[in-house]
Amino acid sequence: MSPKKFETNAIRTQTEQTQHGEHSTPLFLTSSFVFDDAEEMRASFAEEKQRNIYSRFTNPNTNEFVEKICQMEGAADGCAFATGMAAVRRVLRCPLFRA
């Protein structure tokens, strides 16, 4: 099987369908996510469990965006910022924390 074309990766890389069977990724317009119990919440905040906690930290839409960009650019991982200045600030501050 030949590798997928750039355009195919751009379109087909997306989050899994929910129980509603939507055709494309829905917009997750929420600030926080529900936990089954206090232990799940504790484990999530302690980063022992990978899941969405709060939209400013992680969000299914942002995760899909990062996965698509990484797939198209051939990168192992990536991150997204709300503004260009936030990205510039992060790049400039990285060398300061290597010590």
N, C-alpha and C. Protein backbone atom coordinates (compact mmCIF):
# COMPACT_ATOMS: atom_id res chain seq x y z
N MET A 1 0.85 -1.18 0.00
CA MET A 1 0.00 0.00 0.00
C MET A 1 0.89 1.24 0.00
N SER A 2 0.62 2.15 -0.90
CA SER A 2 1.43 3.37 -0.99
C SER A 2 1.06 4.34 0.13
N PRO A 3 2.00 5.18 0.52
CA PRO A 3 1.70 6.15 1.58
C PRO A 3 0.62 7.13 1.14
N LYS A 4 -0.13 7.62 2.11
CA LYS A 4 -1.21 8.56 1.80
C LYS A 4 -0.64 9.89 1.35
N LYS A 5 -1.38 10.56 0.49
CA LYS A 5 -0.96 11.87 0.01
C LYS A 5 -1.18 12.93 1.09
N PHE A 6 -0.51 14.05 0.92
CA PHE A 6 -0.60 15.16 1.86
C PHE A 6 -2.06 15.57 2.11
N GLU A 7 -2.82 15.72 1.05
CA GLU A 7 -4.21 16.16 1.16
C GLU A 7 -5.06 15.14 1.91
N THR A 8 -4.81 13.85 1.67
CA THR A 8 -5.55 12.80 2.36
C THR A 8 -5.29 12.86 3.86
N ASN A 9 -4.03 13.02 4.25
CA ASN A 9 -3.71 13.14 5.67
C ASN A 9 -4.37 14.36 6.29
N ALA A 10 -4.42 15.45 5.56
CA ALA A 10 -5.02 16.68 6.07
C ALA A 10 -6.51 16.49 6.35
N ILE A 11 -7.17 15.69 5.54
CA ILE A 11 -8.61 15.50 5.69
C ILE A 11 -8.93 14.35 6.65
N ARG A 12 -8.22 13.25 6.56
CA ARG A 12 -8.57 12.04 7.30
C ARG A 12 -8.06 11.98 8.73
N THR A 13 -7.09 12.79 9.09
CA THR A 13 -6.61 12.79 10.47
C THR A 13 -7.60 13.56 11.31
N GLN A 14 -8.35 12.86 12.15
CA GLN A 14 -9.34 13.52 13.00
C GLN A 14 -9.65 12.66 14.21
N THR A 15 -10.30 13.26 15.18
CA THR A 15 -10.67 12.53 16.39
C THR A 15 -11.71 11.47 16.06
N GLU A 16 -11.83 10.48 16.92
CA GLU A 16 -12.81 9.42 16.71
C GLU A 16 -14.22 9.96 16.85
N GLN A 17 -15.14 9.33 16.15
CA GLN A 17 -16.54 9.74 16.23
C GLN A 17 -17.08 9.50 17.64
N THR A 18 -18.00 10.34 18.03
CA THR A 18 -18.69 10.13 19.31
C THR A 18 -19.84 9.15 19.08
N GLN A 19 -20.61 8.92 20.09
CA GLN A 19 -21.75 8.02 19.97
C GLN A 19 -22.83 8.57 19.04
N HIS A 20 -22.72 9.84 18.65
CA HIS A 20 -23.71 10.46 17.78
C HIS A 20 -23.43 10.23 16.30
N GLY A 21 -22.24 9.72 15.94
CA GLY A 21 -21.92 9.37 14.57
C GLY A 21 -21.81 10.54 13.61
N GLU A 22 -21.26 11.64 14.06
CA GLU A 22 -21.11 12.82 13.20
C GLU A 22 -20.13 12.55 12.07
N HIS A 23 -20.26 13.30 10.98
CA HIS A 23 -19.41 13.14 9.80
C HIS A 23 -18.04 13.77 10.01
N SER A 24 -17.98 14.89 10.68
CA SER A 24 -16.71 15.56 10.97
C SER A 24 -16.67 15.91 12.46
N THR A 25 -15.51 16.30 12.90
CA THR A 25 -15.33 16.57 14.33
C THR A 25 -16.22 17.70 14.79
N PRO A 26 -17.00 17.48 15.85
CA PRO A 26 -17.83 18.56 16.38
C PRO A 26 -16.98 19.57 17.14
N LEU A 27 -17.50 20.75 17.33
CA LEU A 27 -16.82 21.75 18.15
C LEU A 27 -17.15 21.47 19.62
N PHE A 28 -16.12 21.34 20.43
CA PHE A 28 -16.30 21.11 21.86
C PHE A 28 -16.23 22.47 22.56
N LEU A 29 -17.38 23.10 22.71
CA LEU A 29 -17.46 24.45 23.28
C LEU A 29 -17.74 24.35 24.77
N THR A 30 -16.81 23.80 25.50
CA THR A 30 -16.96 23.65 26.94
C THR A 30 -15.69 24.11 27.62
N SER A 31 -15.81 24.56 28.85
CA SER A 31 -14.61 24.99 29.58
C SER A 31 -14.02 23.85 30.40
N SER A 32 -14.85 22.91 30.81
CA SER A 32 -14.36 21.80 31.63
C SER A 32 -15.05 20.51 31.24
N PHE A 33 -14.56 19.41 31.74
CA PHE A 33 -15.06 18.10 31.39
C PHE A 33 -15.48 17.35 32.65
N VAL A 34 -16.38 16.40 32.51
CA VAL A 34 -16.95 15.67 33.64
C VAL A 34 -16.09 14.46 33.99
N PHE A 35 -15.97 14.18 35.28
CA PHE A 35 -15.24 13.02 35.78
C PHE A 35 -16.23 12.04 36.40
N ASP A 36 -15.91 10.75 36.32
CA ASP A 36 -16.79 9.74 36.91
C ASP A 36 -16.78 9.78 38.43
N ASP A 37 -15.61 10.06 39.00
CA ASP A 37 -15.51 10.13 40.46
C ASP A 37 -14.29 10.97 40.84
N ALA A 38 -14.12 11.17 42.13
CA ALA A 38 -13.03 12.02 42.63
C ALA A 38 -11.66 11.41 42.34
N GLU A 39 -11.55 10.10 42.36
CA GLU A 39 -10.28 9.44 42.09
C GLU A 39 -9.83 9.66 40.65
N GLU A 40 -10.78 9.59 39.71
CA GLU A 40 -10.44 9.85 38.32
C GLU A 40 -9.97 11.29 38.14
N MET A 41 -10.62 12.21 38.83
CA MET A 41 -10.23 13.61 38.76
C MET A 41 -8.84 13.82 39.35
N ARG A 42 -8.56 13.20 40.49
CA ARG A 42 -7.25 13.31 41.12
C ARG A 42 -6.16 12.78 40.19
N ALA A 43 -6.39 11.59 39.61
CA ALA A 43 -5.41 10.98 38.72
C ALA A 43 -5.19 11.82 37.46
N SER A 44 -6.24 12.44 36.98
CA SER A 44 -6.11 13.28 35.78
C SER A 44 -5.29 14.53 36.06
N PHE A 45 -5.55 15.18 37.18
CA PHE A 45 -4.80 16.39 37.52
C PHE A 45 -3.36 16.07 37.91
N ALA A 46 -3.11 14.85 38.40
CA ALA A 46 -1.75 14.43 38.74
C ALA A 46 -1.01 13.90 37.50
N GLU A 47 -1.67 13.96 36.34
CA GLU A 47 -1.12 13.50 35.06
C GLU A 47 -0.79 12.01 35.06
N GLU A 48 -1.50 11.24 35.88
CA GLU A 48 -1.37 9.79 35.88
C GLU A 48 -2.30 9.18 34.83
N LYS A 49 -3.27 9.95 34.38
CA LYS A 49 -4.25 9.52 33.40
C LYS A 49 -4.35 10.59 32.33
N GLN A 50 -4.30 10.19 31.06
CA GLN A 50 -4.39 11.13 29.95
C GLN A 50 -5.86 11.34 29.60
N ARG A 51 -6.35 12.54 29.80
CA ARG A 51 -7.72 12.88 29.42
C ARG A 51 -7.88 14.39 29.41
N ASN A 52 -8.99 14.86 28.87
CA ASN A 52 -9.26 16.28 28.86
C ASN A 52 -9.75 16.71 30.24
N ILE A 53 -9.18 17.82 30.72
CA ILE A 53 -9.51 18.31 32.05
C ILE A 53 -10.22 19.66 31.95
N TYR A 54 -9.54 20.58 31.31
CA TYR A 54 -10.00 21.96 31.23
C TYR A 54 -9.56 22.49 29.87
N SER A 55 -10.42 23.19 29.17
CA SER A 55 -10.15 23.58 27.78
C SER A 55 -8.90 24.43 27.59
N ARG A 56 -8.46 25.13 28.61
CA ARG A 56 -7.22 25.90 28.44
C ARG A 56 -5.99 25.00 28.50
N PHE A 57 -6.14 23.79 29.02
CA PHE A 57 -5.04 22.82 29.05
C PHE A 57 -5.11 21.89 27.84
N THR A 58 -6.23 21.22 27.69
CA THR A 58 -6.44 20.30 26.57
C THR A 58 -7.88 20.39 26.10
N ASN A 59 -8.08 20.13 24.81
CA ASN A 59 -9.40 20.18 24.23
C ASN A 59 -9.38 19.27 23.01
N PRO A 60 -10.43 18.49 22.75
CA PRO A 60 -10.41 17.60 21.59
C PRO A 60 -10.15 18.33 20.26
N ASN A 61 -10.65 19.54 20.11
CA ASN A 61 -10.43 20.29 18.88
C ASN A 61 -8.97 20.70 18.73
N THR A 62 -8.37 21.16 19.81
CA THR A 62 -6.96 21.54 19.78
C THR A 62 -6.08 20.32 19.54
N ASN A 63 -6.43 19.21 20.20
CA ASN A 63 -5.67 17.97 20.00
C ASN A 63 -5.70 17.52 18.54
N GLU A 64 -6.87 17.62 17.90
CA GLU A 64 -6.98 17.23 16.50
C GLU A 64 -6.14 18.16 15.62
N PHE A 65 -6.18 19.45 15.91
CA PHE A 65 -5.39 20.42 15.15
C PHE A 65 -3.90 20.08 15.23
N VAL A 66 -3.41 19.82 16.44
CA VAL A 66 -2.00 19.49 16.62
C VAL A 66 -1.65 18.19 15.90
N GLU A 67 -2.52 17.17 16.01
CA GLU A 67 -2.26 15.90 15.32
C GLU A 67 -2.20 16.09 13.81
N LYS A 68 -3.10 16.90 13.25
CA LYS A 68 -3.09 17.13 11.81
C LYS A 68 -1.81 17.83 11.36
N ILE A 69 -1.43 18.87 12.08
CA ILE A 69 -0.21 19.60 11.71
C ILE A 69 1.01 18.69 11.82
N CYS A 70 1.10 17.91 12.89
CA CYS A 70 2.23 16.99 13.05
C CYS A 70 2.26 15.95 11.93
N GLN A 71 1.09 15.42 11.58
CA GLN A 71 1.00 14.44 10.49
C GLN A 71 1.47 15.04 9.18
N MET A 72 1.03 16.26 8.87
CA MET A 72 1.39 16.89 7.60
C MET A 72 2.85 17.32 7.56
N GLU A 73 3.40 17.70 8.72
CA GLU A 73 4.79 18.16 8.77
C GLU A 73 5.78 17.04 9.06
N GLY A 74 5.27 15.85 9.40
CA GLY A 74 6.15 14.73 9.73
C GLY A 74 6.80 14.89 11.09
N ALA A 75 6.15 15.60 12.00
CA ALA A 75 6.70 15.83 13.34
C ALA A 75 6.20 14.77 14.32
N ALA A 76 7.00 14.49 15.34
CA ALA A 76 6.61 13.51 16.36
C ALA A 76 5.59 14.08 17.32
N ASP A 77 5.69 15.36 17.63
CA ASP A 77 4.77 15.99 18.58
C ASP A 77 4.73 17.49 18.29
N GLY A 78 3.77 18.15 18.88
CA GLY A 78 3.64 19.58 18.67
C GLY A 78 2.78 20.21 19.75
N CYS A 79 2.58 21.50 19.64
CA CYS A 79 1.71 22.21 20.57
C CYS A 79 1.09 23.39 19.82
N ALA A 80 -0.05 23.84 20.34
CA ALA A 80 -0.77 24.95 19.71
C ALA A 80 -0.90 26.09 20.71
N PHE A 81 -0.92 27.30 20.19
CA PHE A 81 -1.07 28.49 21.02
C PHE A 81 -2.24 29.32 20.53
N ALA A 82 -2.81 30.10 21.41
CA ALA A 82 -3.96 30.91 21.06
C ALA A 82 -3.56 32.11 20.20
N THR A 83 -2.34 32.60 20.36
CA THR A 83 -1.89 33.76 19.60
C THR A 83 -0.46 33.56 19.13
N GLY A 84 -0.07 34.32 18.14
CA GLY A 84 1.30 34.28 17.67
C GLY A 84 2.27 34.78 18.72
N MET A 85 1.87 35.76 19.50
CA MET A 85 2.75 36.29 20.55
C MET A 85 2.99 35.26 21.65
N ALA A 86 1.99 34.43 21.95
CA ALA A 86 2.18 33.37 22.94
C ALA A 86 3.21 32.36 22.44
N ALA A 87 3.16 32.05 21.15
CA ALA A 87 4.14 31.13 20.57
C ALA A 87 5.54 31.73 20.60
N VAL A 88 5.65 33.00 20.24
CA VAL A 88 6.95 33.68 20.26
C VAL A 88 7.51 33.72 21.68
N ARG A 89 6.68 34.04 22.64
CA ARG A 89 7.12 34.09 24.04
C ARG A 89 7.63 32.73 24.50
N ARG A 90 6.92 31.66 24.12
CA ARG A 90 7.34 30.31 24.50
C ARG A 90 8.70 29.97 23.89
N VAL A 91 8.88 30.31 22.63
CA VAL A 91 10.15 30.02 21.96
C VAL A 91 11.29 30.79 22.62
N LEU A 92 11.06 32.05 22.96
CA LEU A 92 12.12 32.87 23.55
C LEU A 92 12.42 32.48 24.99
N ARG A 93 11.44 31.95 25.71
CA ARG A 93 11.66 31.58 27.11
C ARG A 93 12.24 30.19 27.28
N CYS A 94 12.14 29.33 26.28
CA CYS A 94 12.65 27.96 26.39
C CYS A 94 14.12 27.89 26.81
N PRO A 95 15.01 28.64 26.17
CA PRO A 95 16.43 28.55 26.58
C PRO A 95 16.66 28.99 28.03
N LEU A 96 15.79 29.79 28.59
CA LEU A 96 15.97 30.27 29.95
C LEU A 96 15.74 29.16 30.98
N PHE A 97 14.99 28.13 30.63
CA PHE A 97 14.64 27.08 31.59
C PHE A 97 15.44 25.81 31.42
N ARG A 98 16.46 25.84 30.63
CA ARG A 98 17.29 24.63 30.39
C ARG A 98 18.34 24.41 31.46
N ALA A 99 18.59 25.36 32.31
CA ALA A 99 19.66 25.27 33.29
C ALA A 99 19.39 24.27 34.36
